[in-house]
N, C-alpha and C. Protein backbone atom coordinates (compact mmCIF):
# COMPACT_ATOMS: atom_id res chain seq x y z
N UNK A 1 80.66 -53.68 -61.93
CA UNK A 1 79.67 -52.64 -61.92
C UNK A 1 78.63 -52.89 -63.02
N UNK A 2 79.05 -53.39 -64.18
CA UNK A 2 78.13 -53.68 -65.26
C UNK A 2 77.19 -54.82 -64.88
N UNK A 3 77.67 -55.73 -64.06
CA UNK A 3 76.83 -56.84 -63.61
C UNK A 3 75.70 -56.33 -62.73
N UNK A 4 76.01 -55.39 -61.85
CA UNK A 4 75.00 -54.83 -60.96
C UNK A 4 73.96 -54.06 -61.78
N UNK A 5 74.40 -53.29 -62.76
CA UNK A 5 73.47 -52.56 -63.63
C UNK A 5 72.58 -53.51 -64.40
N UNK A 6 73.15 -54.59 -64.89
CA UNK A 6 72.38 -55.60 -65.61
C UNK A 6 71.36 -56.27 -64.70
N UNK A 7 71.75 -56.51 -63.45
CA UNK A 7 70.85 -57.12 -62.49
C UNK A 7 69.67 -56.20 -62.19
N UNK A 8 69.94 -54.90 -62.00
CA UNK A 8 68.85 -53.96 -61.76
C UNK A 8 67.94 -53.85 -62.99
N UNK A 9 68.51 -53.87 -64.17
CA UNK A 9 67.72 -53.84 -65.39
C UNK A 9 66.82 -55.06 -65.50
N UNK A 10 67.36 -56.23 -65.16
CA UNK A 10 66.58 -57.46 -65.20
C UNK A 10 65.44 -57.40 -64.19
N UNK A 11 65.71 -56.91 -62.98
CA UNK A 11 64.68 -56.81 -61.96
C UNK A 11 63.57 -55.84 -62.39
N UNK A 12 63.95 -54.73 -62.99
CA UNK A 12 62.95 -53.77 -63.48
C UNK A 12 62.07 -54.42 -64.55
N UNK A 13 62.69 -55.13 -65.48
CA UNK A 13 61.95 -55.80 -66.54
C UNK A 13 61.01 -56.85 -65.94
N UNK A 14 61.46 -57.55 -64.93
CA UNK A 14 60.64 -58.55 -64.27
C UNK A 14 59.42 -57.91 -63.61
N UNK A 15 59.60 -56.76 -62.96
CA UNK A 15 58.49 -56.06 -62.32
C UNK A 15 57.50 -55.59 -63.38
N UNK A 16 57.98 -55.09 -64.52
CA UNK A 16 57.10 -54.64 -65.59
C UNK A 16 56.29 -55.82 -66.14
N UNK A 17 56.93 -56.95 -66.35
CA UNK A 17 56.23 -58.13 -66.88
C UNK A 17 55.16 -58.60 -65.90
N UNK A 18 55.49 -58.62 -64.62
CA UNK A 18 54.51 -59.02 -63.60
C UNK A 18 53.34 -58.05 -63.60
N UNK A 19 53.61 -56.76 -63.74
CA UNK A 19 52.53 -55.77 -63.78
C UNK A 19 51.63 -55.96 -64.98
N UNK A 20 52.21 -56.27 -66.13
CA UNK A 20 51.41 -56.47 -67.34
C UNK A 20 50.56 -57.72 -67.20
N UNK A 21 51.14 -58.79 -66.67
CA UNK A 21 50.39 -60.03 -66.48
C UNK A 21 49.27 -59.82 -65.46
N UNK A 22 49.55 -59.08 -64.41
CA UNK A 22 48.54 -58.84 -63.37
C UNK A 22 47.44 -57.93 -63.85
N UNK A 23 47.67 -57.18 -64.92
CA UNK A 23 46.65 -56.24 -65.39
C UNK A 23 45.58 -56.91 -66.24
N UNK A 24 45.66 -58.21 -66.48
CA UNK A 24 44.65 -58.91 -67.25
C UNK A 24 43.31 -58.84 -66.58
N UNK A 25 42.23 -58.93 -67.36
CA UNK A 25 40.88 -58.84 -66.83
C UNK A 25 40.53 -60.17 -66.19
N UNK A 26 40.54 -60.22 -64.88
CA UNK A 26 40.24 -61.46 -64.16
C UNK A 26 39.13 -61.22 -63.16
N UNK A 27 38.03 -60.68 -63.63
CA UNK A 27 36.89 -60.40 -62.76
C UNK A 27 36.16 -61.71 -62.51
N UNK A 28 36.27 -62.27 -61.31
CA UNK A 28 35.64 -63.56 -61.06
C UNK A 28 34.12 -63.48 -61.03
N UNK A 29 33.56 -62.30 -60.92
CA UNK A 29 32.11 -62.19 -60.86
C UNK A 29 31.45 -62.36 -62.22
N UNK A 30 32.22 -62.44 -63.29
CA UNK A 30 31.63 -62.54 -64.62
C UNK A 30 31.95 -63.87 -65.28
N UNK A 31 32.03 -64.93 -64.53
CA UNK A 31 32.31 -66.23 -65.12
C UNK A 31 31.06 -66.84 -65.70
N UNK A 32 31.23 -67.76 -66.61
CA UNK A 32 30.10 -68.39 -67.28
C UNK A 32 29.30 -69.25 -66.31
N UNK A 33 29.91 -69.76 -65.26
CA UNK A 33 29.18 -70.62 -64.33
C UNK A 33 28.18 -69.84 -63.50
N UNK A 34 28.29 -68.51 -63.47
CA UNK A 34 27.36 -67.70 -62.69
C UNK A 34 26.08 -67.38 -63.45
N UNK A 35 26.02 -67.68 -64.72
CA UNK A 35 24.87 -67.34 -65.53
C UNK A 35 23.81 -68.43 -65.36
N UNK A 36 22.60 -68.03 -65.02
CA UNK A 36 21.51 -68.98 -64.80
C UNK A 36 20.36 -68.59 -65.71
N UNK A 37 19.86 -69.56 -66.46
CA UNK A 37 18.72 -69.31 -67.33
C UNK A 37 17.44 -69.42 -66.50
N UNK A 38 16.49 -68.54 -66.76
CA UNK A 38 15.22 -68.58 -66.04
C UNK A 38 14.08 -68.61 -67.03
N UNK A 39 12.93 -69.05 -66.58
CA UNK A 39 11.74 -69.06 -67.41
C UNK A 39 10.58 -68.55 -66.57
N UNK A 40 9.47 -68.15 -67.21
CA UNK A 40 8.34 -67.68 -66.42
C UNK A 40 7.89 -68.73 -65.42
N UNK A 41 7.56 -68.28 -64.20
CA UNK A 41 7.21 -69.24 -63.16
C UNK A 41 5.74 -69.61 -63.15
N UNK A 42 4.90 -68.77 -63.70
CA UNK A 42 3.48 -69.13 -63.75
C UNK A 42 2.86 -68.63 -65.04
N UNK A 43 1.64 -69.03 -65.27
CA UNK A 43 0.98 -68.71 -66.54
C UNK A 43 0.66 -67.23 -66.66
N UNK A 44 0.60 -66.49 -65.56
CA UNK A 44 0.26 -65.08 -65.64
C UNK A 44 1.38 -64.25 -66.26
N UNK A 45 2.61 -64.76 -66.23
CA UNK A 45 3.73 -64.05 -66.85
C UNK A 45 3.76 -64.24 -68.35
N UNK A 46 3.18 -65.33 -68.83
CA UNK A 46 3.23 -65.63 -70.26
C UNK A 46 2.23 -64.75 -71.00
N UNK A 47 2.54 -64.44 -72.27
CA UNK A 47 1.64 -63.64 -73.08
C UNK A 47 0.49 -64.52 -73.56
N UNK A 48 -0.74 -64.01 -73.55
CA UNK A 48 -1.87 -64.83 -74.02
C UNK A 48 -1.79 -65.01 -75.53
N UNK A 49 -2.28 -66.16 -75.98
CA UNK A 49 -2.29 -66.45 -77.42
C UNK A 49 -3.39 -65.63 -78.07
N UNK A 50 -3.19 -65.25 -79.35
CA UNK A 50 -4.21 -64.50 -80.08
C UNK A 50 -5.41 -65.39 -80.33
N UNK A 51 -6.57 -64.76 -80.26
CA UNK A 51 -7.79 -65.50 -80.57
C UNK A 51 -7.88 -65.69 -82.07
N UNK A 52 -8.41 -66.82 -82.47
CA UNK A 52 -8.55 -67.12 -83.89
C UNK A 52 -9.56 -66.16 -84.50
N UNK A 53 -9.23 -65.64 -85.67
CA UNK A 53 -10.14 -64.79 -86.40
C UNK A 53 -10.02 -63.32 -86.11
N UNK A 54 -9.14 -62.90 -85.22
CA UNK A 54 -8.98 -61.47 -84.94
C UNK A 54 -7.80 -60.94 -85.72
N UNK A 55 -8.03 -59.93 -86.48
CA UNK A 55 -7.02 -59.25 -87.29
C UNK A 55 -6.14 -60.23 -88.06
N UNK A 56 -6.70 -60.98 -88.97
CA UNK A 56 -5.90 -61.98 -89.67
C UNK A 56 -4.86 -61.35 -90.59
N UNK A 57 -5.12 -60.15 -91.13
CA UNK A 57 -4.18 -59.55 -92.07
C UNK A 57 -3.20 -58.60 -91.40
N UNK A 58 -3.39 -58.29 -90.14
CA UNK A 58 -2.51 -57.36 -89.45
C UNK A 58 -1.23 -58.07 -89.01
N UNK A 59 -0.08 -57.48 -89.26
CA UNK A 59 1.16 -58.12 -88.81
C UNK A 59 1.26 -58.07 -87.29
N UNK A 60 1.98 -59.01 -86.75
CA UNK A 60 2.16 -59.06 -85.31
C UNK A 60 2.92 -57.82 -84.85
N UNK A 61 2.58 -57.33 -83.67
CA UNK A 61 3.20 -56.11 -83.15
C UNK A 61 4.71 -56.29 -82.97
N UNK A 62 5.12 -57.48 -82.54
CA UNK A 62 6.54 -57.74 -82.33
C UNK A 62 7.32 -57.67 -83.64
N UNK A 63 6.68 -58.08 -84.74
CA UNK A 63 7.37 -58.09 -86.02
C UNK A 63 7.57 -56.68 -86.57
N UNK A 64 6.65 -55.76 -86.24
CA UNK A 64 6.77 -54.41 -86.78
C UNK A 64 7.68 -53.53 -85.93
N UNK A 65 7.86 -53.84 -84.66
CA UNK A 65 8.73 -53.03 -83.80
C UNK A 65 10.18 -53.43 -84.03
N UNK A 66 10.98 -52.45 -84.31
CA UNK A 66 12.41 -52.70 -84.47
C UNK A 66 13.11 -52.25 -83.21
N UNK A 67 14.10 -53.00 -82.78
CA UNK A 67 14.83 -52.55 -81.60
C UNK A 67 15.55 -51.24 -81.90
N UNK A 68 15.70 -50.44 -80.88
CA UNK A 68 16.40 -49.17 -81.06
C UNK A 68 17.84 -49.45 -81.49
N UNK A 69 18.34 -48.69 -82.46
CA UNK A 69 19.72 -48.93 -82.89
C UNK A 69 20.68 -48.68 -81.74
N UNK A 70 21.65 -49.55 -81.66
CA UNK A 70 22.65 -49.40 -80.60
C UNK A 70 23.54 -48.21 -80.91
N UNK A 71 23.85 -47.49 -79.86
CA UNK A 71 24.75 -46.35 -80.01
C UNK A 71 26.15 -46.89 -80.26
N UNK A 72 26.77 -46.42 -81.29
CA UNK A 72 28.10 -46.89 -81.63
C UNK A 72 29.08 -46.43 -80.55
N UNK A 73 29.76 -47.40 -79.98
CA UNK A 73 30.74 -47.08 -78.96
C UNK A 73 32.03 -46.61 -79.64
N UNK A 74 32.61 -45.57 -79.09
CA UNK A 74 33.86 -45.05 -79.62
C UNK A 74 35.01 -45.94 -79.18
N UNK A 75 35.98 -46.09 -80.05
CA UNK A 75 37.19 -46.81 -79.67
C UNK A 75 38.02 -45.90 -78.78
N UNK A 76 39.00 -46.48 -78.12
CA UNK A 76 39.88 -45.69 -77.28
C UNK A 76 40.61 -44.64 -78.12
N UNK A 77 40.98 -44.99 -79.34
CA UNK A 77 41.66 -44.04 -80.22
C UNK A 77 40.72 -42.88 -80.57
N UNK A 78 39.45 -43.19 -80.85
CA UNK A 78 38.49 -42.13 -81.17
C UNK A 78 38.26 -41.21 -79.98
N UNK A 79 38.17 -41.78 -78.78
CA UNK A 79 37.99 -40.97 -77.57
C UNK A 79 39.19 -40.05 -77.36
N UNK A 80 40.40 -40.59 -77.55
CA UNK A 80 41.62 -39.81 -77.37
C UNK A 80 41.69 -38.69 -78.40
N UNK A 81 41.37 -39.01 -79.66
CA UNK A 81 41.38 -37.99 -80.71
C UNK A 81 40.35 -36.89 -80.42
N UNK A 82 39.18 -37.28 -79.92
CA UNK A 82 38.14 -36.30 -79.59
C UNK A 82 38.61 -35.38 -78.47
N UNK A 83 39.30 -35.95 -77.48
CA UNK A 83 39.82 -35.13 -76.39
C UNK A 83 40.84 -34.13 -76.93
N UNK A 84 41.73 -34.57 -77.78
CA UNK A 84 42.74 -33.68 -78.34
C UNK A 84 42.08 -32.60 -79.21
N UNK A 85 41.06 -32.99 -79.98
CA UNK A 85 40.37 -32.01 -80.83
C UNK A 85 39.73 -30.91 -79.99
N UNK A 86 39.27 -31.27 -78.79
CA UNK A 86 38.61 -30.29 -77.94
C UNK A 86 39.59 -29.50 -77.08
N UNK A 87 40.62 -30.15 -76.57
CA UNK A 87 41.49 -29.52 -75.58
C UNK A 87 42.94 -29.33 -76.03
N UNK A 88 43.32 -29.89 -77.16
CA UNK A 88 44.73 -29.89 -77.55
C UNK A 88 45.21 -28.62 -78.22
N UNK A 89 46.52 -28.50 -78.27
CA UNK A 89 47.16 -27.39 -78.98
C UNK A 89 47.13 -27.70 -80.48
N UNK A 90 47.40 -26.72 -81.32
CA UNK A 90 47.44 -27.00 -82.76
C UNK A 90 48.46 -28.09 -83.13
N UNK A 91 49.60 -28.11 -82.46
CA UNK A 91 50.60 -29.15 -82.74
C UNK A 91 50.09 -30.52 -82.32
N UNK A 92 49.40 -30.60 -81.18
CA UNK A 92 48.84 -31.88 -80.73
C UNK A 92 47.73 -32.34 -81.68
N UNK A 93 46.93 -31.40 -82.17
CA UNK A 93 45.87 -31.74 -83.11
C UNK A 93 46.45 -32.29 -84.41
N UNK A 94 47.56 -31.72 -84.86
CA UNK A 94 48.20 -32.23 -86.07
C UNK A 94 48.77 -33.63 -85.84
N UNK A 95 49.36 -33.86 -84.67
CA UNK A 95 49.92 -35.18 -84.35
C UNK A 95 48.81 -36.22 -84.18
N UNK A 96 47.65 -35.80 -83.68
CA UNK A 96 46.54 -36.73 -83.44
C UNK A 96 46.02 -37.34 -84.73
N UNK A 97 46.22 -36.68 -85.85
CA UNK A 97 45.78 -37.22 -87.13
C UNK A 97 46.53 -38.49 -87.50
N UNK A 98 47.64 -38.74 -86.82
CA UNK A 98 48.46 -39.91 -87.12
C UNK A 98 48.23 -41.07 -86.16
N UNK A 99 47.29 -40.92 -85.23
CA UNK A 99 46.98 -42.01 -84.29
C UNK A 99 46.19 -43.08 -85.03
N UNK A 100 46.65 -44.31 -84.91
CA UNK A 100 45.99 -45.44 -85.54
C UNK A 100 45.19 -46.26 -84.53
N UNK A 101 45.77 -46.49 -83.34
CA UNK A 101 45.12 -47.34 -82.35
C UNK A 101 45.62 -46.96 -80.96
N UNK A 102 44.76 -47.12 -79.95
CA UNK A 102 45.14 -46.92 -78.55
C UNK A 102 44.68 -48.16 -77.79
N UNK A 103 45.56 -48.70 -76.97
CA UNK A 103 45.23 -49.86 -76.15
C UNK A 103 45.60 -49.59 -74.70
N UNK A 104 44.81 -50.13 -73.78
CA UNK A 104 45.14 -50.05 -72.36
C UNK A 104 44.70 -48.79 -71.66
N UNK A 105 44.04 -47.88 -72.36
CA UNK A 105 43.63 -46.62 -71.75
C UNK A 105 42.44 -46.81 -70.83
N UNK A 106 41.74 -47.91 -70.98
CA UNK A 106 40.54 -48.13 -70.17
C UNK A 106 40.78 -48.98 -68.94
N UNK A 107 42.02 -49.37 -68.69
CA UNK A 107 42.28 -50.22 -67.53
C UNK A 107 43.02 -49.43 -66.45
N UNK A 108 42.69 -49.76 -65.21
CA UNK A 108 43.32 -49.13 -64.06
C UNK A 108 43.45 -50.21 -63.00
N UNK A 109 44.63 -50.82 -62.90
CA UNK A 109 44.78 -51.94 -62.00
C UNK A 109 45.46 -51.59 -60.69
N UNK A 110 45.96 -50.38 -60.54
CA UNK A 110 46.57 -49.96 -59.30
C UNK A 110 48.01 -50.43 -59.12
N UNK A 111 48.53 -51.24 -60.01
CA UNK A 111 49.92 -51.71 -59.91
C UNK A 111 50.78 -50.94 -60.91
N UNK A 112 50.49 -51.14 -62.16
CA UNK A 112 51.18 -50.42 -63.24
C UNK A 112 50.18 -50.25 -64.36
N UNK A 113 49.72 -49.05 -64.57
CA UNK A 113 48.80 -48.78 -65.67
C UNK A 113 49.65 -48.51 -66.90
N UNK A 114 49.46 -49.29 -67.92
CA UNK A 114 50.26 -49.16 -69.14
C UNK A 114 49.35 -49.02 -70.34
N UNK A 115 49.54 -47.98 -71.10
CA UNK A 115 48.76 -47.74 -72.31
C UNK A 115 49.70 -47.60 -73.49
N UNK A 116 49.22 -48.01 -74.66
CA UNK A 116 50.00 -47.94 -75.89
C UNK A 116 49.24 -47.10 -76.91
N UNK A 117 49.96 -46.21 -77.58
CA UNK A 117 49.40 -45.40 -78.66
C UNK A 117 50.19 -45.76 -79.92
N UNK A 118 49.49 -46.24 -80.94
CA UNK A 118 50.13 -46.63 -82.19
C UNK A 118 49.85 -45.55 -83.23
N UNK A 119 50.89 -45.18 -83.98
CA UNK A 119 50.78 -44.13 -84.98
C UNK A 119 51.22 -44.65 -86.35
N UNK A 120 51.05 -43.82 -87.37
CA UNK A 120 51.54 -44.17 -88.70
C UNK A 120 52.85 -43.44 -89.03
N UNK A 121 53.48 -42.87 -88.00
CA UNK A 121 54.79 -42.25 -88.20
C UNK A 121 55.84 -43.32 -88.47
N UNK A 122 56.99 -42.89 -89.02
CA UNK A 122 58.11 -43.80 -89.27
C UNK A 122 59.37 -43.22 -88.65
N UNK A 123 60.31 -44.05 -88.34
CA UNK A 123 61.61 -43.57 -87.90
C UNK A 123 62.00 -43.90 -86.48
N UNK A 124 61.09 -44.29 -85.66
CA UNK A 124 61.43 -44.69 -84.30
C UNK A 124 61.90 -43.54 -83.43
N UNK A 125 62.57 -43.91 -82.35
CA UNK A 125 63.00 -42.95 -81.33
C UNK A 125 63.97 -41.91 -81.87
N UNK A 126 64.80 -42.27 -82.80
CA UNK A 126 65.78 -41.34 -83.35
C UNK A 126 65.32 -40.70 -84.66
N UNK A 127 64.08 -40.97 -85.05
CA UNK A 127 63.56 -40.44 -86.30
C UNK A 127 63.05 -39.02 -86.19
N UNK A 128 62.52 -38.50 -87.27
CA UNK A 128 62.08 -37.10 -87.31
C UNK A 128 60.79 -36.81 -86.55
N UNK A 129 60.07 -37.85 -86.12
CA UNK A 129 58.78 -37.64 -85.46
C UNK A 129 58.81 -37.92 -83.96
N UNK A 130 60.00 -37.94 -83.40
CA UNK A 130 60.13 -38.19 -81.96
C UNK A 130 59.43 -37.09 -81.16
N UNK A 131 59.50 -35.86 -81.63
CA UNK A 131 58.83 -34.75 -80.96
C UNK A 131 57.31 -34.89 -81.00
N UNK A 132 56.79 -35.40 -82.13
CA UNK A 132 55.35 -35.63 -82.22
C UNK A 132 54.92 -36.73 -81.25
N UNK A 133 55.78 -37.72 -81.07
CA UNK A 133 55.50 -38.77 -80.10
C UNK A 133 55.43 -38.22 -78.69
N UNK A 134 56.32 -37.30 -78.36
CA UNK A 134 56.30 -36.66 -77.03
C UNK A 134 55.03 -35.83 -76.86
N UNK A 135 54.60 -35.14 -77.93
CA UNK A 135 53.35 -34.37 -77.86
C UNK A 135 52.17 -35.29 -77.56
N UNK A 136 52.13 -36.47 -78.21
CA UNK A 136 51.03 -37.40 -77.98
C UNK A 136 51.09 -37.97 -76.56
N UNK A 137 52.28 -38.26 -76.06
CA UNK A 137 52.42 -38.77 -74.69
C UNK A 137 51.97 -37.71 -73.69
N UNK A 138 52.30 -36.47 -73.95
CA UNK A 138 51.88 -35.38 -73.08
C UNK A 138 50.36 -35.18 -73.12
N UNK A 139 49.79 -35.24 -74.31
CA UNK A 139 48.33 -35.10 -74.44
C UNK A 139 47.63 -36.26 -73.75
N UNK A 140 48.22 -37.45 -73.82
CA UNK A 140 47.63 -38.60 -73.14
C UNK A 140 47.62 -38.38 -71.63
N UNK A 141 48.68 -37.79 -71.10
CA UNK A 141 48.75 -37.49 -69.66
C UNK A 141 47.69 -36.47 -69.27
N UNK A 142 47.33 -35.56 -70.18
CA UNK A 142 46.25 -34.62 -69.91
C UNK A 142 44.89 -35.32 -69.92
N UNK A 143 44.76 -36.36 -70.78
CA UNK A 143 43.50 -37.07 -70.95
C UNK A 143 43.24 -38.04 -69.81
N UNK A 144 44.22 -38.84 -69.46
CA UNK A 144 44.07 -39.87 -68.42
C UNK A 144 44.94 -39.50 -67.23
N UNK A 145 44.52 -39.95 -66.07
CA UNK A 145 45.26 -39.66 -64.85
C UNK A 145 45.47 -40.95 -64.07
N UNK A 146 46.69 -41.20 -63.68
CA UNK A 146 47.02 -42.39 -62.91
C UNK A 146 48.21 -42.07 -62.02
N UNK A 147 48.26 -42.70 -60.87
CA UNK A 147 49.41 -42.51 -59.98
C UNK A 147 50.65 -43.22 -60.50
N UNK A 148 50.46 -44.23 -61.34
CA UNK A 148 51.58 -45.05 -61.78
C UNK A 148 51.47 -45.44 -63.26
N UNK A 149 50.93 -44.55 -64.09
CA UNK A 149 50.72 -44.88 -65.49
C UNK A 149 51.92 -44.60 -66.37
N UNK A 150 52.08 -45.43 -67.39
CA UNK A 150 53.13 -45.26 -68.39
C UNK A 150 52.49 -45.42 -69.76
N UNK A 151 52.58 -44.39 -70.58
CA UNK A 151 52.09 -44.46 -71.95
C UNK A 151 53.29 -44.58 -72.88
N UNK A 152 53.16 -45.48 -73.85
CA UNK A 152 54.23 -45.68 -74.84
C UNK A 152 53.64 -45.41 -76.21
N UNK A 153 54.33 -44.60 -76.99
CA UNK A 153 53.89 -44.24 -78.33
C UNK A 153 54.80 -44.98 -79.31
N UNK A 154 54.17 -45.70 -80.26
CA UNK A 154 54.91 -46.50 -81.23
C UNK A 154 54.74 -45.94 -82.63
N UNK A 155 55.74 -46.21 -83.49
CA UNK A 155 55.61 -45.83 -84.90
C UNK A 155 54.94 -46.96 -85.67
N UNK A 156 54.84 -46.82 -86.98
CA UNK A 156 54.11 -47.81 -87.78
C UNK A 156 54.78 -49.17 -87.82
N UNK A 157 56.08 -49.23 -87.53
CA UNK A 157 56.79 -50.50 -87.51
C UNK A 157 56.86 -51.12 -86.13
N UNK A 158 56.18 -50.52 -85.16
CA UNK A 158 56.18 -51.05 -83.81
C UNK A 158 57.39 -50.64 -82.99
N UNK A 159 58.17 -49.71 -83.52
CA UNK A 159 59.34 -49.22 -82.79
C UNK A 159 58.92 -48.11 -81.84
N UNK A 160 59.63 -48.00 -80.74
CA UNK A 160 59.36 -46.98 -79.74
C UNK A 160 59.57 -45.60 -80.35
N UNK A 161 58.55 -44.77 -80.24
CA UNK A 161 58.65 -43.40 -80.71
C UNK A 161 58.85 -42.45 -79.54
N UNK A 162 58.13 -42.73 -78.44
CA UNK A 162 58.24 -41.93 -77.23
C UNK A 162 57.49 -42.63 -76.10
N UNK A 163 57.68 -42.15 -74.89
CA UNK A 163 56.88 -42.62 -73.77
C UNK A 163 56.82 -41.52 -72.72
N UNK A 164 55.93 -41.70 -71.77
CA UNK A 164 55.80 -40.71 -70.71
C UNK A 164 54.88 -41.23 -69.63
N UNK A 165 54.96 -40.58 -68.47
CA UNK A 165 54.10 -40.95 -67.35
C UNK A 165 52.76 -40.24 -67.46
N UNK A 166 51.75 -40.86 -66.93
CA UNK A 166 50.43 -40.20 -66.86
C UNK A 166 49.76 -40.51 -65.54
């Protein structure tokens, strides 16, 4: 009987590994071979050269224009914390202060969506913060929706703190 249980455990682990490997970003439409450099096709597209003697002391317009500053993109952890700050319970808000990093929240592969939440808690699954890990897993399920998602919450040492479906 133990052999059969071990066999089922091995098969489950194999399916999880295949799902993780299949979730890699393999968009064939964004390969480097698809990028083609172009140049202006005729002289009408090119900018005319400045005439000699016009505005010698004025700086070029291109030099004075600064590109608009890029909007800082939020990390997955920042987005998750913002969601909890807006929609979470007081206990979830307190637990969110311990989130260090979130990975995998932006992928949806249709096979197995797996996200990881890393915290600065200590103690692992049997430690004193296991309940906080469950709160974070529950809040993650409120934030993201998937038919087959699994979120895993880790402590600061990389030990399993909690997990849940989303």
